[in-house]
Protein backbone atom coordinates (compact mmCIF):
# COMPACT_ATOMS: atom_id res chain seq x y z
CA MET A 1 0.00 0.00 0.00
CA LYS A 2 1.38 3.36 -1.08
CA PHE A 3 0.48 6.83 0.15
CA SER A 4 -0.37 9.97 -1.75
CA ILE A 5 0.32 12.98 0.47
CA ILE A 6 -2.15 15.79 -0.26
CA ILE A 7 -1.18 19.34 0.69
CA PRO A 8 -3.23 22.40 -0.30
CA THR A 9 -1.25 25.59 0.21
CA TYR A 10 -1.74 29.33 0.13
CA ASN A 11 0.95 31.95 0.80
CA ARG A 12 2.90 29.93 3.35
CA CYS A 13 6.11 29.26 1.45
CA ASN A 14 8.37 29.35 4.50
CA VAL A 15 6.52 26.77 6.55
CA LEU A 16 5.75 24.73 3.42
CA LYS A 17 9.49 24.34 2.95
CA LEU A 18 9.78 22.92 6.47
CA THR A 19 6.86 20.60 5.86
CA LEU A 20 8.17 19.20 2.58
CA ASN A 21 11.70 18.67 3.90
CA ALA A 22 10.29 16.73 6.86
CA TYR A 23 8.75 14.17 4.50
CA LEU A 24 12.25 13.27 3.36
CA LYS A 25 12.97 12.12 6.93
CA GLN A 26 10.08 9.68 7.17
CA THR A 27 10.83 6.20 8.51
CA PHE A 28 8.50 4.76 5.85
CA LEU A 29 9.79 6.87 2.98
CA ASP A 30 9.39 3.98 0.52
CA HIS A 31 5.66 3.91 1.23
CA ILE A 32 5.17 7.43 -0.11
CA LYS A 33 4.30 7.23 -3.79
CA GLU A 34 3.85 10.96 -4.34
CA ILE A 35 3.32 14.31 -2.71
CA ILE A 36 0.63 16.40 -4.37
CA ILE A 37 0.76 20.13 -3.76
CA VAL A 38 -2.12 22.30 -4.92
CA ASP A 39 -1.24 25.99 -4.83
CA ASP A 40 -4.47 27.89 -4.19
CA GLY A 41 -3.42 31.12 -5.86
CA SER A 42 -0.33 31.98 -3.81
CA THR A 43 1.43 35.27 -4.50
CA ASP A 44 4.58 34.50 -2.51
CA GLU A 45 7.53 32.22 -3.40
CA THR A 46 5.56 28.96 -3.15
CA ARG A 47 6.30 27.87 -6.71
CA SER A 48 10.05 28.41 -6.23
CA VAL A 49 10.00 26.46 -2.97
CA VAL A 50 8.31 23.54 -4.70
CA ASN A 51 10.69 23.68 -7.68
CA ASP A 52 13.72 23.63 -5.37
CA PHE A 53 12.27 20.71 -3.45
CA CYS A 54 11.62 18.75 -6.65
CA GLU A 55 15.31 18.88 -7.51
CA LYS A 56 16.34 16.99 -4.39
CA SER A 57 13.31 14.86 -3.63
CA PRO A 58 13.38 11.10 -4.32
CA ILE A 59 9.60 11.23 -4.00
CA GLN A 60 7.51 12.11 -7.03
CA ILE A 61 6.09 15.64 -6.68
CA LEU A 62 2.93 16.79 -8.44
CA TYR A 63 2.32 20.54 -8.39
CA PHE A 64 -0.88 22.24 -9.49
CA TYR A 65 -1.75 25.90 -9.47
CA GLN A 66 -5.28 27.27 -9.36
CA GLU A 67 -6.84 30.66 -8.85
CA ASN A 68 -7.83 31.14 -5.23
CA LYS A 69 -10.85 28.89 -4.70
CA GLY A 70 -10.27 27.55 -1.20
CA PRO A 71 -8.92 24.31 0.28
CA ALA A 72 -11.96 22.20 -0.65
CA GLN A 73 -11.42 22.73 -4.37
CA ALA A 74 -7.66 22.29 -3.93
CA ARG A 75 -8.06 18.96 -2.13
CA ASN A 76 -10.50 17.70 -4.74
CA LYS A 77 -8.03 18.47 -7.51
CA ALA A 78 -5.34 16.52 -5.66
CA ILE A 79 -7.62 13.57 -4.94
CA TYR A 80 -8.52 13.17 -8.61
CA ALA A 81 -4.83 13.38 -9.55
CA ALA A 82 -3.65 10.91 -6.89
CA SER A 83 -2.58 7.38 -7.76
CA GLY A 84 -1.70 6.09 -4.28
CA ASP A 85 -3.84 3.53 -2.48
CA ILE A 86 -4.14 5.64 0.68
CA LEU A 87 -4.55 9.40 0.79
CA LEU A 88 -2.91 11.26 3.65
CA ILE A 89 -4.60 14.65 3.73
CA THR A 90 -2.72 17.28 5.68
CA GLY A 91 -1.80 20.96 5.76
CA ASP A 92 1.00 23.12 4.47
CA ASP A 93 1.70 24.22 8.06
CA VAL A 94 1.64 20.70 9.54
CA VAL A 95 5.23 19.45 9.76
CA PRO A 96 5.21 15.64 10.00
CA ASP A 97 6.93 13.75 12.78
CA PRO A 98 9.40 11.21 11.27
CA ARG A 99 7.00 8.37 12.12
CA LEU A 100 3.85 10.02 10.77
CA VAL A 101 3.48 7.91 7.61
CA GLU A 102 4.56 4.76 9.45
CA GLU A 103 1.89 5.24 12.13
CA HIS A 104 -0.82 5.82 9.53
CA TYR A 105 0.35 2.72 7.68
CA LEU A 106 0.33 0.57 10.83
CA THR A 107 -3.22 1.65 11.66
CA HIS A 108 -4.46 0.62 8.22
CA LYS A 109 -2.49 -2.62 8.36
CA LYS A 110 -3.94 -3.47 11.80
CA HIS A 111 -7.38 -3.32 10.21
CA ASP A 112 -6.36 -5.44 7.20
CA PHE A 113 -6.39 -2.41 4.88
CA ASN A 114 -10.18 -2.47 4.85
CA SER A 115 -11.49 0.14 2.46
CA ASN A 116 -13.73 1.84 5.01
CA ILE A 117 -10.94 2.53 7.53
CA SER A 118 -9.66 6.05 8.16
CA CYS A 119 -6.78 6.98 10.47
CA LEU A 120 -6.97 10.24 12.40
CA GLY A 121 -3.55 11.44 13.53
CA LYS A 122 -2.86 14.06 16.17
CA THR A 123 -1.96 17.64 15.31
CA ILE A 124 -0.04 19.37 18.09
CA TRP A 125 2.03 22.48 18.59
CA PRO A 126 5.77 22.25 17.88
CA ILE A 127 7.80 21.08 20.84
CA ASP A 128 9.94 24.24 20.88
CA LYS A 129 6.98 26.63 20.61
CA LYS A 130 5.65 28.62 23.54
CA VAL A 131 2.07 27.42 23.96
CA THR A 132 -0.33 29.80 25.65
CA PRO A 133 -3.19 28.45 27.78
CA PHE A 134 -5.61 29.50 25.04
CA MET A 135 -3.64 27.58 22.40
CA ALA A 136 -3.60 24.48 24.61
CA TYR A 137 -7.34 24.80 25.14
CA ILE A 138 -8.33 25.04 21.49
CA GLN A 139 -6.16 22.02 20.67
CA GLU A 140 -7.81 19.70 23.16
CA MET A 141 -11.32 20.94 23.89
CA GLY A 142 -13.03 21.27 20.52
CA LEU A 143 -12.78 24.90 19.43
CA GLN A 144 -10.21 23.85 16.84
CA PHE A 145 -9.35 20.26 17.74
CA GLY A 146 -10.88 18.08 20.45
CA TYR A 147 -8.61 15.15 21.07
CA SER A 148 -9.23 15.01 24.82
CA ILE A 149 -12.99 14.59 24.30
CA ILE A 150 -12.72 11.57 21.98
CA THR A 151 -14.67 8.84 23.76
CA ASP A 152 -13.87 5.84 21.56
CA GLU A 153 -10.53 5.81 19.76
CA ASN A 154 -11.65 2.90 17.56
CA ASP A 155 -14.84 4.57 16.37
CA VAL A 156 -14.36 8.33 16.32
CA GLN A 157 -17.32 10.53 15.44
CA PHE A 158 -17.59 12.43 12.15
CA ASN A 159 -16.82 15.81 13.71
CA PHE A 160 -13.21 14.70 14.22
CA PHE A 161 -12.56 14.35 10.49
CA TYR A 162 -9.68 16.82 10.69
CA THR A 163 -7.92 17.35 7.37
CA SER A 164 -4.78 18.56 9.09
CA ASN A 165 -3.80 14.92 9.65
CA ILE A 166 -6.08 12.15 8.37
CA SER A 167 -5.79 9.24 5.95
CA LEU A 168 -8.26 7.02 4.11
CA GLN A 169 -8.38 4.84 1.04
CA ARG A 170 -8.77 6.71 -2.21
CA ASN A 171 -11.23 4.23 -3.76
CA PHE A 172 -13.64 4.57 -0.83
CA LEU A 173 -13.51 8.35 -1.02
CA LEU A 174 -14.15 8.41 -4.78
CA GLU A 175 -17.36 6.42 -4.46
CA ASP A 176 -19.29 9.63 -3.83
CA LYS A 177 -19.03 13.41 -3.91
CA LEU A 178 -15.79 14.82 -2.49
CA PHE A 179 -15.33 18.05 -0.53
CA ASP A 180 -18.26 20.41 -1.01
CA THR A 181 -16.96 23.59 -2.64
CA GLU A 182 -20.00 25.62 -1.59
CA PHE A 183 -18.25 26.29 1.71
CA PRO A 184 -16.48 29.63 1.15
CA TYR A 185 -14.01 29.35 4.04
CA ALA A 186 -11.71 26.70 5.50
CA VAL A 187 -14.22 25.68 8.17
CA TRP A 188 -16.79 22.86 8.29
CA GLU A 189 -16.04 21.61 4.76
CA ASP A 190 -14.00 18.72 6.17
CA ILE A 191 -16.51 17.88 8.91
CA GLU A 192 -19.36 17.90 6.39
CA LEU A 193 -17.47 15.38 4.27
CA GLY A 194 -16.78 13.33 7.40
CA TYR A 195 -20.51 13.25 8.12
CA ARG A 196 -21.33 11.91 4.67
CA LEU A 197 -18.51 9.36 4.81
CA LYS A 198 -19.61 8.07 8.23
CA LYS A 199 -23.11 7.56 6.86
CA ARG A 200 -21.54 5.40 4.14
CA GLY A 201 -19.75 3.28 6.73
CA LEU A 202 -16.41 5.00 7.31
CA GLN A 203 -14.73 3.96 10.56
CA ILE A 204 -12.34 6.57 11.94
CA ILE A 205 -9.52 5.21 14.11
CA TYR A 206 -7.58 7.66 16.28
CA ASN A 207 -3.81 7.09 16.45
CA LYS A 208 -2.27 9.63 18.82
CA ASN A 209 1.22 8.55 17.72
CA ALA A 210 0.68 9.77 14.15
CA ILE A 211 1.86 13.27 14.97
CA GLY A 212 1.97 16.44 12.90
CA TYR A 213 3.36 19.68 14.34
CA HIS A 214 1.14 22.68 13.71
CA HIS A 215 3.34 25.66 12.80
CA HIS A 216 0.65 28.31 12.95
CA ASN A 217 0.51 31.26 15.32
CA ILE A 218 -2.93 31.53 16.89
CA TYR A 219 -4.08 34.18 19.34
CA PHE A 220 -7.29 34.83 21.19
CA ALA A 221 -7.76 38.09 19.28
CA SER A 222 -7.47 36.54 15.82
CA PHE A 223 -9.41 33.39 16.68
CA ARG A 224 -12.59 35.41 17.19
CA LYS A 225 -12.79 36.00 13.44
CA ARG A 226 -12.39 32.29 12.76
CA GLN A 227 -15.32 31.54 15.05
CA GLU A 228 -17.43 34.07 13.18
CA LEU A 229 -16.59 32.30 9.92
CA CYS A 230 -17.49 29.00 11.60
CA GLY A 231 -20.93 30.32 12.45
CA TYR A 232 -21.41 31.61 8.93
CA SER A 233 -20.44 28.27 7.39
CA ALA A 234 -22.43 26.33 9.98
CA HIS A 235 -25.61 27.63 8.39
CA ILE A 236 -24.46 26.30 5.03
CA PHE A 237 -23.87 22.95 6.72
CA TYR A 238 -27.34 23.12 8.31
CA ASN A 239 -29.00 23.84 4.96
CA LYS A 240 -27.51 20.60 3.63
CA HIS A 241 -28.18 18.52 6.74
CA PRO A 242 -31.02 20.08 8.79
CA GLU A 243 -31.03 17.07 11.10
CA LEU A 244 -27.82 18.52 12.61
CA ARG A 245 -29.43 21.73 13.81
CA ASP A 246 -28.68 21.07 17.49
CA PHE A 247 -25.15 19.85 16.80
CA LEU A 248 -24.44 23.01 14.77
CA ALA A 249 -26.05 25.24 17.40
CA ILE A 250 -28.06 27.25 14.90
CA ASN A 251 -29.51 29.68 17.40
CA SER A 252 -28.59 33.32 16.95
CA SER A 253 -31.27 34.89 19.15
CA LYS A 254 -29.25 34.81 22.36
CA ASN A 255 -26.79 37.34 20.90
CA GLU A 256 -29.49 40.01 21.05
CA ASN A 257 -29.76 39.97 24.85
CA PRO A 258 -28.13 43.21 26.18
CA LEU A 259 -26.93 41.44 29.33
CA VAL A 260 -25.23 38.76 27.22
CA LYS A 261 -23.50 41.44 25.15
CA LEU A 262 -22.24 43.17 28.29
CA ASN A 263 -20.95 39.91 29.79
CA VAL A 264 -19.22 39.03 26.51
CA LYS A 265 -17.54 42.43 26.33
CA ILE A 266 -16.17 42.10 29.86
CA ALA A 267 -15.00 38.52 29.26
CA GLU A 268 -13.46 39.52 25.95
CA MET A 269 -11.39 42.31 27.47
CA PHE A 270 -10.22 40.01 30.25
CA CYS A 271 -9.25 37.22 27.80
CA LEU A 272 -7.30 39.62 25.60
CA PHE A 273 -5.31 40.63 28.65
CA ALA A 274 -4.93 37.07 29.95
CA ASP A 275 -3.73 35.74 26.60
CA LYS A 276 -0.74 38.05 26.80
CA PHE A 277 0.09 38.10 30.47
CA LEU A 278 -1.46 35.27 32.51
CA PRO A 279 -0.19 31.64 32.58
CA MET A 280 -3.60 30.06 33.19
CA SER A 281 -6.64 29.00 31.19
CA PHE A 282 -10.16 30.45 31.42
CA PRO A 283 -12.41 27.95 29.60
CA GLY A 284 -15.71 29.52 30.67
CA PHE A 285 -14.71 32.92 29.34
CA TYR A 286 -13.29 31.42 26.14
CA ASP A 287 -16.54 29.59 25.45
CA LEU A 288 -18.66 32.64 26.19
CA VAL A 289 -16.77 34.92 23.83
CA MET A 290 -16.23 32.40 21.04
CA GLY A 291 -19.85 31.32 21.24
CA TYR A 292 -20.91 34.93 20.78
CA TYR A 293 -18.78 35.30 17.64
CA TYR A 294 -20.03 31.96 16.31
CA ASN A 295 -23.60 33.20 16.64
CA LYS A 296 -22.59 36.48 15.05
CA GLY A 297 -21.56 34.47 11.99
CA VAL A 298 -24.95 32.75 11.96
CA VAL A 299 -26.64 36.15 12.01
CA ASN A 300 -24.45 37.43 9.17
CA TYR A 301 -25.41 34.45 7.02
CA LYS A 302 -29.10 35.13 7.63
CA ARG A 303 -28.69 38.79 6.74
CA ASN A 304 -26.77 38.01 3.56
CA PHE A 305 -29.00 35.25 2.23
CA LEU A 306 -32.15 34.46 4.13
CA GLU A 307 -33.51 38.00 4.37
CA LYS A 308 -32.96 38.94 0.71
């Protein structure tokens, strides 16, 4: 069984260079058939980085350029171009541990390479990176990743279909529609695919030893915007699968309560301060503020589409 590594990228040439070079240090290098890079309209030195890498790589490199259309379209292009048996879908800012491919391989082998098996690896912060309490929280508790709330490592739910570090067999994936390109942002499009795949019988196995290091600076201040985009895209998800209304928390009315707004403002100011100066986590405040911005995104979707 050979792997096709799928990496969509956009204006991250420096970290992409780190990521690509790390694949040359894999313990199971011979099991990598190709690395497929889809450049989603980068304006930096991405093409040069890929060209330089091609000159020294013993692995076949496929490079595609497209006008900026988002990661869903980029991944689909790579999937159709792939020829490996197993697709390892990851990110341009996820630097693989030397055993990443090996651990994915061993998970598939343990389950006899059954076509409906998917391996979820773990995406963590780099070992040498200063991790704030907020960063640690969003990695483990579900705002970005939720590894600590996985209840069954041998049958992980669809909402853990994280395309930062996940593998599955190409033939199983191609049996139906791929990533839905109606999602305008890099949120929910992977979970929506995971939902459809689980309904078709996909079994997601969590392997915490299949590690990718997430080289991406995240702060409380900037993460608020991401949560707003999540709320916006959640309504798109809901339109496709209305049975998930409660899961997606499509309820924007609570944002209109003046007391809620005041509490959010106070919590927001405190979290902005804490993220810079305090060495402790404040989960209740994080959830309050990020929930507010999530609902703000839901409201924006309604204003843009439902009230026209």
